[in-house]
Amino acid sequence: MAGLVKRLEGVIPPIPTPFGPHGEVDHVALRKNLDRWNAYELSGYVVLGSNGETPYLTVDEKLAILETARSVIPSNKWMIAGTGCEATKATIELTCKAAEIGADAALIVSPHFYTGKMTHEVLKRHYQTVADRSPIPILLYNVPAFTHVELDGNLVAELSRHPNIIGIKESGGNITKIADMVRLTPKPFQVLAGSGGFFFPSLAVGASGGIMAVANVAPQVMLDIYGLYQEGRMEEGAELQRRIIPLNNAVTARFGVAGLKAALDFLGYHGGPVRPPLLDLRYEERETLKVMVRECINDQAV
């Protein structure tokens, strides 16, 4: 992690995976997207997160994507690899391979297929074992909307004391929980908002930054929210937060990854198609989304 700041802070987009016309990973488009994002003062990127359609990628595709991303992401920006798998063994193996490629940290989503068996003790042992074996720092990833597994505050507090567990992407949206995790965890541990919809209030209760899908399409807006909070300009920051909520909801819960990719297309990036079984947006949905992009990002032509 030479050249990196010690803290995970600021704005970090979890980038999508571009696909070509025949469903193949489009590495040229990935490089072009990253080149454009690199012009912003982003702190780094999550590669192979939920927005990367990771469950639909093969291991070979994942490793190739990481290699391409590492070749374009500057050394002073974090490259965080999503390496969580259902099995502890598979998670360790993918995390070690990501480290060999040059990932600076790993984002580990909770195993969840056997939802009812994912007890406090099971999750604690899983994360601690991965952290023990990982050559790079790891971040917990709580996204109950997808996993139906909740990493509660007490478990996060226990795991935060492991020297190789440096933070959490918290996507549940419970501001009280975010505040409590900040209270319960030691200072080196960093809590990051997992959605742009609650970025500003998360900063207000102690989050260090955010890993947010909307930062792919509105990087400057999210950077402005972060900057306004840092400068203590609370009313302006809150107003900008309110303005971005409709677009954030559109590219997450409402339209999902297909909406995120369509919005990128509108803005001149390569969004492209999603991988089946996901479906691309219908014409009517694309037109609705286009209006939202125009209204929320007034400094970019659509």
C-alpha atoms as a PDB file:
ATOM      1  CA  MET A   1       0.000   0.000   0.000  1.00  0.00           C
ATOM      2  CA  ALA A   2       2.893   2.310  -0.664  1.00  0.00           C
ATOM      3  CA  GLY A   3       1.735   5.853  -1.268  1.00  0.00           C
ATOM      4  CA  LEU A   4      -1.703   5.343   0.214  1.00  0.00           C
ATOM      5  CA  VAL A   5      -3.137   7.397   3.021  1.00  0.00           C
ATOM      6  CA  LYS A   6      -3.600   5.432   6.217  1.00  0.00           C
ATOM      7  CA  ARG A   7      -7.298   6.141   6.482  1.00  0.00           C
ATOM      8  CA  LEU A   8     -10.064   4.921   4.255  1.00  0.00           C
ATOM      9  CA  GLU A   9     -11.960   8.139   3.792  1.00  0.00           C
ATOM     10  CA  GLY A  10     -13.661  10.292   1.221  1.00  0.00           C
ATOM     11  CA  VAL A  11     -15.558   9.039  -1.818  1.00  0.00           C
ATOM     12  CA  ILE A  12     -15.031   5.558  -3.259  1.00  0.00           C
ATOM     13  CA  PRO A  13     -17.169   4.271  -6.153  1.00  0.00           C
ATOM     14  CA  PRO A  14     -17.907   0.540  -6.376  1.00  0.00           C
ATOM     15  CA  ILE A  15     -17.426   0.295 -10.127  1.00  0.00           C
ATOM     16  CA  PRO A  16     -19.542  -1.753 -12.544  1.00  0.00           C
ATOM     17  CA  THR A  17     -18.120  -4.376 -14.892  1.00  0.00           C
ATOM     18  CA  PRO A  18     -18.582  -3.413 -18.557  1.00  0.00           C
ATOM     19  CA  PHE A  19     -19.555  -6.174 -20.958  1.00  0.00           C
ATOM     20  CA  GLY A  20     -19.250  -6.345 -24.733  1.00  0.00           C
ATOM     21  CA  PRO A  21     -21.965  -7.252 -27.250  1.00  0.00           C
ATOM     22  CA  HIS A  22     -21.451 -10.977 -26.756  1.00  0.00           C
ATOM     23  CA  GLY A  23     -21.382 -10.878 -22.974  1.00  0.00           C
ATOM     24  CA  GLU A  24     -17.608 -10.831 -22.628  1.00  0.00           C
ATOM     25  CA  VAL A  25     -15.845  -8.521 -20.164  1.00  0.00           C
ATOM     26  CA  ASP A  26     -14.868  -5.350 -22.031  1.00  0.00           C
ATOM     27  CA  HIS A  27     -11.427  -4.503 -20.677  1.00  0.00           C
ATOM     28  CA  VAL A  28     -10.953  -1.563 -23.044  1.00  0.00           C
ATOM     29  CA  ALA A  29     -14.145   0.039 -21.719  1.00  0.00           C
ATOM     30  CA  LEU A  30     -13.047  -0.646 -18.143  1.00  0.00           C
ATOM     31  CA  ARG A  31      -9.774   1.193 -18.737  1.00  0.00           C
ATOM     32  CA  LYS A  32     -11.556   4.128 -20.367  1.00  0.00           C
ATOM     33  CA  ASN A  33     -14.032   4.450 -17.494  1.00  0.00           C
ATOM     34  CA  LEU A  34     -11.252   4.369 -14.917  1.00  0.00           C
ATOM     35  CA  ASP A  35      -9.199   6.909 -16.852  1.00  0.00           C
ATOM     36  CA  ARG A  36     -12.142   9.298 -16.696  1.00  0.00           C
ATOM     37  CA  TRP A  37     -12.869   8.680 -13.007  1.00  0.00           C
ATOM     38  CA  ASN A  38      -9.189   9.216 -12.227  1.00  0.00           C
ATOM     39  CA  ALA A  39      -9.648  12.879 -13.145  1.00  0.00           C
ATOM     40  CA  TYR A  40     -11.686  13.317  -9.944  1.00  0.00           C
ATOM     41  CA  GLU A  41     -10.291  13.447  -6.413  1.00  0.00           C
ATOM     42  CA  LEU A  42     -11.723  10.060  -5.555  1.00  0.00           C
ATOM     43  CA  SER A  43      -9.994   8.109  -2.794  1.00  0.00           C
ATOM     44  CA  GLY A  44     -10.118   4.858  -4.706  1.00  0.00           C
ATOM     45  CA  TYR A  45     -12.389   2.190  -6.104  1.00  0.00           C
ATOM     46  CA  VAL A  46     -14.070  -1.042  -5.146  1.00  0.00           C
ATOM     47  CA  VAL A  47     -13.571  -3.542  -7.948  1.00  0.00           C
ATOM     48  CA  LEU A  48     -15.810  -6.653  -7.969  1.00  0.00           C
ATOM     49  CA  GLY A  49     -18.404  -5.333  -5.549  1.00  0.00           C
ATOM     50  CA  SER A  50     -22.162  -5.824  -5.848  1.00  0.00           C
ATOM     51  CA  ASN A  51     -22.317  -3.278  -8.672  1.00  0.00           C
ATOM     52  CA  GLY A  52     -19.654  -5.266 -10.503  1.00  0.00           C
ATOM     53  CA  GLU A  53     -22.143  -8.150 -10.965  1.00  0.00           C
ATOM     54  CA  THR A  54     -19.629 -10.275  -9.113  1.00  0.00           C
ATOM     55  CA  PRO A  55     -21.902 -13.316  -8.542  1.00  0.00           C
ATOM     56  CA  TYR A  56     -22.106 -13.728 -12.329  1.00  0.00           C
ATOM     57  CA  LEU A  57     -18.366 -13.661 -12.986  1.00  0.00           C
ATOM     58  CA  THR A  58     -16.022 -16.641 -13.167  1.00  0.00           C
ATOM     59  CA  VAL A  59     -12.859 -16.682 -11.062  1.00  0.00           C
ATOM     60  CA  ASP A  60     -10.750 -16.209 -14.199  1.00  0.00           C
ATOM     61  CA  GLU A  61     -12.844 -13.179 -15.193  1.00  0.00           C
ATOM     62  CA  LYS A  62     -12.476 -11.704 -11.716  1.00  0.00           C
ATOM     63  CA  LEU A  63      -8.699 -12.028 -11.766  1.00  0.00           C
ATOM     64  CA  ALA A  64      -8.463 -10.509 -15.240  1.00  0.00           C
ATOM     65  CA  ILE A  65     -10.644  -7.577 -14.184  1.00  0.00           C
ATOM     66  CA  LEU A  66      -8.423  -6.964 -11.164  1.00  0.00           C
ATOM     67  CA  GLU A  67      -5.320  -7.014 -13.360  1.00  0.00           C
ATOM     68  CA  THR A  68      -6.829  -4.476 -15.760  1.00  0.00           C
ATOM     69  CA  ALA A  69      -8.020  -2.234 -12.950  1.00  0.00           C
ATOM     70  CA  ARG A  70      -4.657  -2.339 -11.181  1.00  0.00           C
ATOM     71  CA  SER A  71      -2.932  -1.239 -14.387  1.00  0.00           C
ATOM     72  CA  VAL A  72      -5.060   1.932 -14.521  1.00  0.00           C
ATOM     73  CA  ILE A  73      -5.686   2.843 -10.872  1.00  0.00           C
ATOM     74  CA  PRO A  74      -2.939   5.168  -9.572  1.00  0.00           C
ATOM     75  CA  SER A  75      -0.871   3.988  -6.636  1.00  0.00           C
ATOM     76  CA  ASN A  76      -2.186   6.810  -4.451  1.00  0.00           C
ATOM     77  CA  LYS A  77      -5.781   5.577  -4.792  1.00  0.00           C
ATOM     78  CA  TRP A  78      -7.127   2.525  -3.026  1.00  0.00           C
ATOM     79  CA  MET A  79      -7.955  -0.547  -5.088  1.00  0.00           C
ATOM     80  CA  ILE A  80     -10.296  -2.575  -2.928  1.00  0.00           C
ATOM     81  CA  ALA A  81     -11.125  -6.008  -4.323  1.00  0.00           C
ATOM     82  CA  GLY A  82     -14.421  -7.705  -3.586  1.00  0.00           C
ATOM     83  CA  THR A  83     -13.308 -11.218  -2.686  1.00  0.00           C
ATOM     84  CA  GLY A  84     -16.075 -12.561  -0.480  1.00  0.00           C
ATOM     85  CA  CYS A  85     -17.260 -16.081  -1.348  1.00  0.00           C
ATOM     86  CA  GLU A  86     -19.647 -18.458   0.345  1.00  0.00           C
ATOM     87  CA  ALA A  87     -16.868 -20.685   1.690  1.00  0.00           C
ATOM     88  CA  THR A  88     -14.134 -19.443   3.993  1.00  0.00           C
ATOM     89  CA  LYS A  89     -11.522 -21.391   2.021  1.00  0.00           C
ATOM     90  CA  ALA A  90     -12.601 -19.886  -1.311  1.00  0.00           C
ATOM     91  CA  THR A  91     -12.625 -16.394   0.207  1.00  0.00           C
ATOM     92  CA  ILE A  92      -9.055 -16.803   1.459  1.00  0.00           C
ATOM     93  CA  GLU A  93      -7.866 -18.148  -1.914  1.00  0.00           C
ATOM     94  CA  LEU A  94      -9.440 -15.301  -3.918  1.00  0.00           C
ATOM     95  CA  THR A  95      -8.196 -12.702  -1.427  1.00  0.00           C
ATOM     96  CA  CYS A  96      -4.632 -14.014  -1.698  1.00  0.00           C
ATOM     97  CA  LYS A  97      -4.802 -13.944  -5.500  1.00  0.00           C
ATOM     98  CA  ALA A  98      -6.157 -10.374  -5.407  1.00  0.00           C
ATOM     99  CA  ALA A  99      -3.242  -9.400  -3.167  1.00  0.00           C
ATOM    100  CA  GLU A 100      -0.771 -10.910  -5.628  1.00  0.00           C
ATOM    101  CA  ILE A 101      -2.302  -8.778  -8.394  1.00  0.00           C
ATOM    102  CA  GLY A 102      -1.880  -5.676  -6.264  1.00  0.00           C
ATOM    103  CA  ALA A 103      -5.131  -5.054  -4.426  1.00  0.00           C
ATOM    104  CA  ASP A 104      -4.628  -2.788  -1.414  1.00  0.00           C
ATOM    105  CA  ALA A 105      -7.496  -4.243   0.615  1.00  0.00           C
ATOM    106  CA  ALA A 106     -10.334  -6.745   0.277  1.00  0.00           C
ATOM    107  CA  LEU A 107     -14.061  -6.170   0.786  1.00  0.00           C
ATOM    108  CA  ILE A 108     -15.625  -9.331   2.192  1.00  0.00           C
ATOM    109  CA  VAL A 109     -19.373  -9.777   1.860  1.00  0.00           C
ATOM    110  CA  SER A 110     -20.917 -12.104   4.424  1.00  0.00           C
ATOM    111  CA  PRO A 111     -21.613 -15.704   3.408  1.00  0.00           C
ATOM    112  CA  HIS A 112     -25.380 -16.077   3.255  1.00  0.00           C
ATOM    113  CA  PHE A 113     -26.620 -19.118   1.302  1.00  0.00           C
ATOM    114  CA  TYR A 114     -27.387 -20.976   4.541  1.00  0.00           C
ATOM    115  CA  THR A 115     -28.946 -17.860   6.019  1.00  0.00           C
ATOM    116  CA  GLY A 116     -30.374 -19.442   9.144  1.00  0.00           C
ATOM    117  CA  LYS A 117     -26.987 -20.900  10.086  1.00  0.00           C
ATOM    118  CA  MET A 118     -25.098 -17.620   9.805  1.00  0.00           C
ATOM    119  CA  THR A 119     -24.973 -17.072  13.544  1.00  0.00           C
ATOM    120  CA  HIS A 120     -22.844 -14.602  15.478  1.00  0.00           C
ATOM    121  CA  GLU A 121     -20.213 -17.278  16.109  1.00  0.00           C
ATOM    122  CA  VAL A 122     -20.158 -18.537  12.503  1.00  0.00           C
ATOM    123  CA  LEU A 123     -19.702 -15.047  11.068  1.00  0.00           C
ATOM    124  CA  LYS A 124     -17.116 -14.125  13.681  1.00  0.00           C
ATOM    125  CA  ARG A 125     -15.035 -17.206  12.956  1.00  0.00           C
ATOM    126  CA  HIS A 126     -15.336 -16.710   9.185  1.00  0.00           C
ATOM    127  CA  TYR A 127     -14.124 -13.118   9.235  1.00  0.00           C
ATOM    128  CA  GLN A 128     -11.386 -13.740  11.781  1.00  0.00           C
ATOM    129  CA  THR A 129     -10.065 -16.722   9.817  1.00  0.00           C
ATOM    130  CA  VAL A 130      -9.999 -14.718   6.580  1.00  0.00           C
ATOM    131  CA  ALA A 131      -8.283 -11.823   8.361  1.00  0.00           C
ATOM    132  CA  ASP A 132      -5.692 -14.171   9.861  1.00  0.00           C
ATOM    133  CA  ARG A 133      -4.811 -15.572   6.438  1.00  0.00           C
ATOM    134  CA  SER A 134      -5.123 -12.473   4.278  1.00  0.00           C
ATOM    135  CA  PRO A 135      -1.903 -10.688   3.267  1.00  0.00           C
ATOM    136  CA  ILE A 136      -3.873  -7.436   2.836  1.00  0.00           C
ATOM    137  CA  PRO A 137      -6.294  -5.629   5.169  1.00  0.00           C
ATOM    138  CA  ILE A 138      -9.961  -6.548   4.918  1.00  0.00           C
ATOM    139  CA  LEU A 139     -13.209  -4.643   5.224  1.00  0.00           C
ATOM    140  CA  LEU A 140     -16.463  -6.138   6.409  1.00  0.00           C
ATOM    141  CA  TYR A 141     -19.415  -5.703   4.035  1.00  0.00           C
ATOM    142  CA  ASN A 142     -22.904  -5.541   5.497  1.00  0.00           C
ATOM    143  CA  VAL A 143     -25.582  -5.515   2.787  1.00  0.00           C
ATOM    144  CA  PRO A 144     -28.668  -7.198   4.271  1.00  0.00           C
ATOM    145  CA  ALA A 145     -30.856  -6.253   1.275  1.00  0.00           C
ATOM    146  CA  PHE A 146     -28.872  -8.815  -0.754  1.00  0.00           C
ATOM    147  CA  THR A 147     -27.622 -11.297   1.834  1.00  0.00           C
ATOM    148  CA  HIS A 148     -30.492 -11.249   4.359  1.00  0.00           C
ATOM    149  CA  VAL A 149     -27.733 -11.544   6.956  1.00  0.00           C
ATOM    150  CA  GLU A 150     -27.120  -8.680   9.389  1.00  0.00           C
ATOM    151  CA  LEU A 151     -23.739  -7.916  10.919  1.00  0.00           C
ATOM    152  CA  ASP A 152     -24.903  -6.366  14.161  1.00  0.00           C
ATOM    153  CA  GLY A 153     -23.020  -3.643  15.983  1.00  0.00           C
ATOM    154  CA  ASN A 154     -21.693  -5.901  18.719  1.00  0.00           C
ATOM    155  CA  LEU A 155     -20.230  -8.352  16.210  1.00  0.00           C
ATOM    156  CA  VAL A 156     -18.645  -5.502  14.258  1.00  0.00           C
ATOM    157  CA  ALA A 157     -17.154  -4.178  17.506  1.00  0.00           C
ATOM    158  CA  GLU A 158     -15.605  -7.582  18.269  1.00  0.00           C
ATOM    159  CA  LEU A 159     -14.208  -7.960  14.754  1.00  0.00           C
ATOM    160  CA  SER A 160     -12.859  -4.406  14.707  1.00  0.00           C
ATOM    161  CA  ARG A 161     -10.273  -5.416  17.282  1.00  0.00           C
ATOM    162  CA  HIS A 162      -8.578  -7.761  14.823  1.00  0.00           C
ATOM    163  CA  PRO A 163      -5.473  -5.922  13.552  1.00  0.00           C
ATOM    164  CA  ASN A 164      -6.151  -6.878   9.926  1.00  0.00           C
ATOM    165  CA  ILE A 165      -9.816  -5.797   9.860  1.00  0.00           C
ATOM    166  CA  ILE A 166      -9.738  -2.087   9.098  1.00  0.00           C
ATOM    167  CA  GLY A 167     -13.308  -1.063   8.391  1.00  0.00           C
ATOM    168  CA  ILE A 168     -16.820  -1.799   7.203  1.00  0.00           C
ATOM    169  CA  LYS A 169     -19.004  -0.838   4.281  1.00  0.00           C
ATOM    170  CA  GLU A 170     -22.389  -0.443   5.976  1.00  0.00           C
ATOM    171  CA  SER A 171     -25.222  -0.546   3.453  1.00  0.00           C
ATOM    172  CA  GLY A 172     -28.137  -1.115   5.811  1.00  0.00           C
ATOM    173  CA  GLY A 173     -28.990   2.582   6.067  1.00  0.00           C
ATOM    174  CA  ASN A 174     -29.577   2.639   9.824  1.00  0.00           C
ATOM    175  CA  ILE A 175     -27.945   5.880  10.992  1.00  0.00           C
ATOM    176  CA  THR A 176     -28.331   4.917  14.637  1.00  0.00           C
ATOM    177  CA  LYS A 177     -26.385   1.726  13.968  1.00  0.00           C
ATOM    178  CA  ILE A 178     -23.687   3.631  12.078  1.00  0.00           C
ATOM    179  CA  ALA A 179     -23.292   6.040  14.983  1.00  0.00           C
ATOM    180  CA  ASP A 180     -23.142   3.156  17.440  1.00  0.00           C
ATOM    181  CA  MET A 181     -20.499   1.330  15.411  1.00  0.00           C
ATOM    182  CA  VAL A 182     -18.369   4.464  15.420  1.00  0.00           C
ATOM    183  CA  ARG A 183     -18.817   4.594  19.203  1.00  0.00           C
ATOM    184  CA  LEU A 184     -18.043   0.917  19.771  1.00  0.00           C
ATOM    185  CA  THR A 185     -15.024   0.490  17.484  1.00  0.00           C
ATOM    186  CA  PRO A 186     -11.449   1.692  18.052  1.00  0.00           C
ATOM    187  CA  LYS A 187     -10.283   4.791  16.190  1.00  0.00           C
ATOM    188  CA  PRO A 188      -8.169   3.019  13.534  1.00  0.00           C
ATOM    189  CA  PHE A 189     -11.323   1.184  12.364  1.00  0.00           C
ATOM    190  CA  GLN A 190     -13.269   3.098   9.708  1.00  0.00           C
ATOM    191  CA  VAL A 191     -17.014   3.015   9.102  1.00  0.00           C
ATOM    192  CA  LEU A 192     -18.051   3.882   5.553  1.00  0.00           C
ATOM    193  CA  ALA A 193     -21.566   4.639   4.314  1.00  0.00           C
ATOM    194  CA  GLY A 194     -22.652   2.055   1.769  1.00  0.00           C
ATOM    195  CA  SER A 195     -25.055   4.287  -0.132  1.00  0.00           C
ATOM    196  CA  GLY A 196     -25.162   7.885  -1.279  1.00  0.00           C
ATOM    197  CA  GLY A 197     -28.666   8.238   0.097  1.00  0.00           C
ATOM    198  CA  PHE A 198     -27.374   8.562   3.657  1.00  0.00           C
ATOM    199  CA  PHE A 199     -23.848   9.819   3.025  1.00  0.00           C
ATOM    200  CA  PHE A 200     -24.088  13.231   4.696  1.00  0.00           C
ATOM    201  CA  PRO A 201     -25.831  12.026   7.878  1.00  0.00           C
ATOM    202  CA  SER A 202     -23.304   9.187   8.114  1.00  0.00           C
ATOM    203  CA  LEU A 203     -20.465  11.713   8.048  1.00  0.00           C
ATOM    204  CA  ALA A 204     -22.264  13.698  10.742  1.00  0.00           C
ATOM    205  CA  VAL A 205     -22.229  10.720  13.124  1.00  0.00           C
ATOM    206  CA  GLY A 206     -18.597   9.820  12.480  1.00  0.00           C
ATOM    207  CA  ALA A 207     -18.297   7.849   9.234  1.00  0.00           C
ATOM    208  CA  SER A 208     -14.998   8.455   7.462  1.00  0.00           C
ATOM    209  CA  GLY A 209     -16.415   8.331   3.940  1.00  0.00           C
ATOM    210  CA  GLY A 210     -18.594   6.317   1.633  1.00  0.00           C
ATOM    211  CA  ILE A 211     -18.511   3.471  -0.891  1.00  0.00           C
ATOM    212  CA  MET A 212     -21.496   4.472  -3.035  1.00  0.00           C
ATOM    213  CA  ALA A 213     -22.926   3.424  -6.398  1.00  0.00           C
ATOM    214  CA  VAL A 214     -24.066   6.954  -7.219  1.00  0.00           C
ATOM    215  CA  ALA A 215     -20.437   8.120  -7.028  1.00  0.00           C
ATOM    216  CA  ASN A 216     -19.908   6.402 -10.385  1.00  0.00           C
ATOM    217  CA  VAL A 217     -22.326   8.762 -12.131  1.00  0.00           C
ATOM    218  CA  ALA A 218     -22.044  11.832  -9.891  1.00  0.00           C
ATOM    219  CA  PRO A 219     -18.488  11.771  -8.541  1.00  0.00           C
ATOM    220  CA  GLN A 220     -18.191  15.530  -8.194  1.00  0.00           C
ATOM    221  CA  VAL A 221     -21.509  15.872  -6.388  1.00  0.00           C
ATOM    222  CA  MET A 222     -20.460  13.271  -3.836  1.00  0.00           C
ATOM    223  CA  LEU A 223     -17.051  14.911  -3.464  1.00  0.00           C
ATOM    224  CA  ASP A 224     -18.776  18.241  -2.926  1.00  0.00           C
ATOM    225  CA  ILE A 225     -20.955  16.752  -0.179  1.00  0.00           C
ATOM    226  CA  TYR A 226     -17.835  15.392   1.508  1.00  0.00           C
ATOM    227  CA  GLY A 227     -16.011  18.706   1.131  1.00  0.00           C
ATOM    228  CA  LEU A 228     -18.894  20.759   2.471  1.00  0.00           C
ATOM    229  CA  TYR A 229     -19.081  18.539   5.539  1.00  0.00           C
ATOM    230  CA  GLN A 230     -15.325  18.845   6.108  1.00  0.00           C
ATOM    231  CA  GLU A 231     -15.630  22.645   5.883  1.00  0.00           C
ATOM    232  CA  GLY A 232     -18.537  22.727   8.331  1.00  0.00           C
ATOM    233  CA  ARG A 233     -20.955  24.100   5.722  1.00  0.00           C
ATOM    234  CA  MET A 234     -23.783  21.975   7.032  1.00  0.00           C
ATOM    235  CA  GLU A 235     -26.790  23.606   5.378  1.00  0.00           C
ATOM    236  CA  GLU A 236     -25.182  23.495   1.933  1.00  0.00           C
ATOM    237  CA  GLY A 237     -24.099  19.905   2.433  1.00  0.00           C
ATOM    238  CA  ALA A 238     -27.548  18.860   3.571  1.00  0.00           C
ATOM    239  CA  GLU A 239     -29.133  20.554   0.559  1.00  0.00           C
ATOM    240  CA  LEU A 240     -26.812  18.753  -1.837  1.00  0.00           C
ATOM    241  CA  GLN A 241     -27.540  15.477  -0.045  1.00  0.00           C
ATOM    242  CA  ARG A 242     -31.272  15.998  -0.553  1.00  0.00           C
ATOM    243  CA  ARG A 243     -30.750  16.776  -4.229  1.00  0.00           C
ATOM    244  CA  ILE A 244     -28.894  13.544  -4.960  1.00  0.00           C
ATOM    245  CA  ILE A 245     -31.385  11.195  -3.240  1.00  0.00           C
ATOM    246  CA  PRO A 246     -33.682  10.579  -6.260  1.00  0.00           C
ATOM    247  CA  LEU A 247     -30.762   9.651  -8.518  1.00  0.00           C
ATOM    248  CA  ASN A 248     -29.166   7.540  -5.800  1.00  0.00           C
ATOM    249  CA  ASN A 249     -32.399   5.604  -5.330  1.00  0.00           C
ATOM    250  CA  ALA A 250     -32.768   5.166  -9.080  1.00  0.00           C
ATOM    251  CA  VAL A 251     -29.337   3.583  -9.590  1.00  0.00           C
ATOM    252  CA  THR A 252     -29.678   1.360  -6.520  1.00  0.00           C
ATOM    253  CA  ALA A 253     -32.982   0.020  -5.207  1.00  0.00           C
ATOM    254  CA  ARG A 254     -35.290   1.163  -8.029  1.00  0.00           C
ATOM    255  CA  PHE A 255     -33.427   0.165 -11.216  1.00  0.00           C
ATOM    256  CA  GLY A 256     -30.366  -1.583  -9.778  1.00  0.00           C
ATOM    257  CA  VAL A 257     -27.200  -2.282 -11.741  1.00  0.00           C
ATOM    258  CA  ALA A 258     -29.062  -1.900 -15.048  1.00  0.00           C
ATOM    259  CA  GLY A 259     -29.993   1.631 -14.009  1.00  0.00           C
ATOM    260  CA  LEU A 260     -26.451   2.440 -12.951  1.00  0.00           C
ATOM    261  CA  LYS A 261     -25.111   1.258 -16.304  1.00  0.00           C
ATOM    262  CA  ALA A 262     -27.762   3.163 -18.258  1.00  0.00           C
ATOM    263  CA  ALA A 263     -26.934   6.363 -16.359  1.00  0.00           C
ATOM    264  CA  LEU A 264     -23.261   5.888 -17.212  1.00  0.00           C
ATOM    265  CA  ASP A 265     -24.183   5.513 -20.870  1.00  0.00           C
ATOM    266  CA  PHE A 266     -26.099   8.814 -20.736  1.00  0.00           C
ATOM    267  CA  LEU A 267     -22.992  10.536 -19.364  1.00  0.00           C
ATOM    268  CA  GLY A 268     -20.570   9.229 -21.970  1.00  0.00           C
ATOM    269  CA  TYR A 269     -19.045   6.405 -19.939  1.00  0.00           C
ATOM    270  CA  HIS A 270     -19.405   2.784 -20.992  1.00  0.00           C
ATOM    271  CA  GLY A 271     -22.212   1.256 -18.992  1.00  0.00           C
ATOM    272  CA  GLY A 272     -23.431  -1.272 -21.490  1.00  0.00           C
ATOM    273  CA  PRO A 273     -25.562  -4.326 -20.909  1.00  0.00           C
ATOM    274  CA  VAL A 274     -25.997  -6.319 -17.730  1.00  0.00           C
ATOM    275  CA  ARG A 275     -25.253 -10.031 -17.580  1.00  0.00           C
ATOM    276  CA  PRO A 276     -28.228 -12.432 -17.569  1.00  0.00           C
ATOM    277  CA  PRO A 277     -30.312 -13.287 -15.683  1.00  0.00           C
ATOM    278  CA  LEU A 278     -30.409  -9.528 -15.045  1.00  0.00           C
ATOM    279  CA  LEU A 279     -32.321  -7.528 -17.658  1.00  0.00           C
ATOM    280  CA  ASP A 280     -31.482  -4.173 -19.183  1.00  0.00           C
ATOM    281  CA  LEU A 281     -33.889  -1.282 -18.654  1.00  0.00           C
ATOM    282  CA  ARG A 282     -36.942  -0.925 -20.865  1.00  0.00           C
ATOM    283  CA  TYR A 283     -37.242   2.180 -23.023  1.00  0.00           C
ATOM    284  CA  GLU A 284     -39.703   3.834 -20.630  1.00  0.00           C
ATOM    285  CA  GLU A 285     -37.413   3.191 -17.679  1.00  0.00           C
ATOM    286  CA  ARG A 286     -34.431   4.633 -19.515  1.00  0.00           C
ATOM    287  CA  GLU A 287     -36.361   7.811 -20.313  1.00  0.00           C
ATOM    288  CA  THR A 288     -37.436   8.178 -16.673  1.00  0.00           C
ATOM    289  CA  LEU A 289     -33.855   7.714 -15.531  1.00  0.00           C
ATOM    290  CA  LYS A 290     -32.560  10.194 -18.095  1.00  0.00           C
ATOM    291  CA  VAL A 291     -34.773  12.916 -16.610  1.00  0.00           C
ATOM    292  CA  MET A 292     -33.443  12.140 -13.121  1.00  0.00           C
ATOM    293  CA  VAL A 293     -29.849  12.367 -14.318  1.00  0.00           C
ATOM    294  CA  ARG A 294     -30.538  15.760 -15.899  1.00  0.00           C
ATOM    295  CA  GLU A 295     -32.192  17.080 -12.746  1.00  0.00           C
ATOM    296  CA  CYS A 296     -29.584  15.816 -10.289  1.00  0.00           C
ATOM    297  CA  ILE A 297     -26.400  16.463 -12.267  1.00  0.00           C
ATOM    298  CA  ASN A 298     -26.811  19.916 -13.720  1.00  0.00           C
ATOM    299  CA  ASP A 299     -23.159  20.352 -14.682  1.00  0.00           C
ATOM    300  CA  GLN A 300     -23.056  17.493 -17.186  1.00  0.00           C
ATOM    301  CA  ALA A 301     -24.891  17.190 -20.487  1.00  0.00           C
ATOM    302  CA  VAL A 302     -27.243  14.240 -20.949  1.00  0.00           C
END
